[in-house]
Amino acid sequence: MRVPNVTNTVEIYDLSCTGKTSLAARLASLTGLRVRHCGKLVVERAQGFGLASGDELSAEQHGAIDTETQQLVSKDPPMIVEGRFLDQVLYGIGRVLFVRLTCELAIR
């Protein structure tokens, strides 16, 4: 499998439990690209602050993860990035292929 030449980053986004992490891992194994799992980073950062979940992380900390992601995508492609709101975080950054995963709530 090849990522199109016009793409530096494959970005997978949408709600929780739609298969983003699984798809990102599979694409990475097929392409050899590295993966950034933004949801995992949120959880790890929350745990570092002694919080019970990523939902308790401050907007400032979420913003810091967003900024780090933007910088990585801009300065160190190619890669795969997956997370819930990446369509907003990476909006306007060139050469990003956006992949939106959807799944009915009953199936998730």
Protein backbone atom coordinates (compact mmCIF):
# COMPACT_ATOMS: atom_id res chain seq x y z
CA MET A 1 0.00 0.00 0.00
CA ARG A 2 1.22 3.50 -0.82
CA VAL A 3 0.15 6.85 0.48
CA PRO A 4 -0.49 9.22 -2.46
CA ASN A 5 2.48 11.46 -3.29
CA VAL A 6 0.37 14.54 -2.62
CA THR A 7 -0.11 13.41 0.99
CA ASN A 8 2.37 13.76 3.85
CA THR A 9 -0.01 12.74 6.61
CA VAL A 10 -2.97 10.42 6.88
CA GLU A 11 -5.29 11.79 9.53
CA ILE A 12 -8.05 9.55 10.94
CA TYR A 13 -10.73 11.21 13.02
CA ASP A 14 -14.22 11.14 14.52
CA LEU A 15 -16.00 9.82 17.61
CA SER A 16 -14.67 7.30 20.11
CA CYS A 17 -14.93 3.57 19.34
CA THR A 18 -15.15 3.90 15.56
CA GLY A 19 -11.95 1.95 14.86
CA LYS A 20 -9.46 4.82 14.49
CA THR A 21 -6.72 3.17 16.53
CA SER A 22 -7.14 -0.19 14.81
CA LEU A 23 -7.12 1.36 11.34
CA ALA A 24 -4.09 3.52 12.16
CA ALA A 25 -2.17 0.48 13.41
CA ARG A 26 -3.07 -1.53 10.32
CA LEU A 27 -2.10 1.29 7.96
CA ALA A 28 1.19 1.69 9.81
CA SER A 29 1.96 -1.99 9.42
CA LEU A 30 1.20 -1.81 5.69
CA THR A 31 3.05 1.43 4.96
CA GLY A 32 5.81 1.57 7.56
CA LEU A 33 4.66 5.04 8.63
CA ARG A 34 4.78 5.99 12.30
CA VAL A 35 1.57 6.70 14.19
CA ARG A 36 0.58 9.38 16.68
CA HIS A 37 -2.36 8.29 18.85
CA CYS A 38 -3.71 11.57 20.23
CA GLY A 39 -6.29 9.99 22.53
CA LYS A 40 -3.59 7.90 24.17
CA LEU A 41 -1.52 11.05 24.69
CA VAL A 42 -4.46 12.77 26.38
CA VAL A 43 -4.93 9.83 28.77
CA GLU A 44 -1.19 9.66 29.55
CA ARG A 45 -1.03 13.41 30.19
CA ALA A 46 -4.08 13.22 32.47
CA GLN A 47 -2.53 10.35 34.43
CA GLY A 48 0.65 12.41 34.78
CA PHE A 49 -1.42 15.08 36.51
CA GLY A 50 -3.10 12.48 38.74
CA LEU A 51 -6.46 12.80 36.96
CA ALA A 52 -8.89 9.92 36.54
CA SER A 53 -9.47 10.44 32.81
CA GLY A 54 -8.59 12.55 29.81
CA ASP A 55 -11.96 14.30 30.15
CA GLU A 56 -10.61 16.02 33.26
CA LEU A 57 -7.58 17.45 31.45
CA SER A 58 -7.62 21.23 31.17
CA ALA A 59 -8.30 23.01 27.90
CA GLU A 60 -4.75 24.35 28.14
CA GLN A 61 -3.31 20.84 28.19
CA HIS A 62 -5.55 19.73 25.32
CA GLY A 63 -4.32 22.79 23.41
CA ALA A 64 -0.70 21.84 24.10
CA ILE A 65 -1.27 18.38 22.61
CA ASP A 66 -2.99 19.99 19.60
CA THR A 67 -0.04 22.34 19.08
CA GLU A 68 2.47 19.47 19.35
CA THR A 69 0.45 17.52 16.78
CA GLN A 70 0.31 20.48 14.38
CA GLN A 71 4.08 20.95 14.68
CA LEU A 72 4.81 17.27 14.06
CA VAL A 73 2.58 17.13 11.00
CA SER A 74 4.04 20.36 9.62
CA LYS A 75 7.71 19.63 10.32
CA ASP A 76 8.17 15.86 10.47
CA PRO A 77 5.94 14.00 7.98
CA PRO A 78 5.09 11.45 6.69
CA MET A 79 2.98 9.92 9.43
CA ILE A 80 -0.44 8.69 10.49
CA VAL A 81 -2.33 10.63 13.16
CA GLU A 82 -5.54 9.50 14.81
CA GLY A 83 -7.85 11.28 17.24
CA ARG A 84 -11.33 12.61 17.84
CA PHE A 85 -11.07 16.24 16.71
CA LEU A 86 -8.18 16.21 14.27
CA ASP A 87 -10.28 17.59 11.45
CA GLN A 88 -10.32 20.81 13.47
CA VAL A 89 -6.76 20.57 14.82
CA LEU A 90 -5.16 19.99 11.40
CA TYR A 91 -7.52 22.14 9.33
CA GLY A 92 -5.55 24.26 6.89
CA ILE A 93 -2.33 22.25 7.07
CA GLY A 94 -1.38 21.19 3.56
CA ARG A 95 -0.90 17.67 2.26
CA VAL A 96 -3.10 15.95 4.85
CA LEU A 97 -5.45 13.18 3.78
CA PHE A 98 -8.47 13.30 6.09
CA VAL A 99 -10.22 9.98 6.77
CA ARG A 100 -13.44 10.19 8.77
CA LEU A 101 -14.58 6.95 10.37
CA THR A 102 -18.21 6.57 11.35
CA CYS A 103 -19.99 3.80 13.17
CA GLU A 104 -23.55 3.54 14.45
CA LEU A 105 -23.86 3.84 18.22
CA ALA A 106 -25.49 0.40 18.51
CA ILE A 107 -22.43 -1.19 16.90
CA ARG A 108 -19.88 0.77 18.94
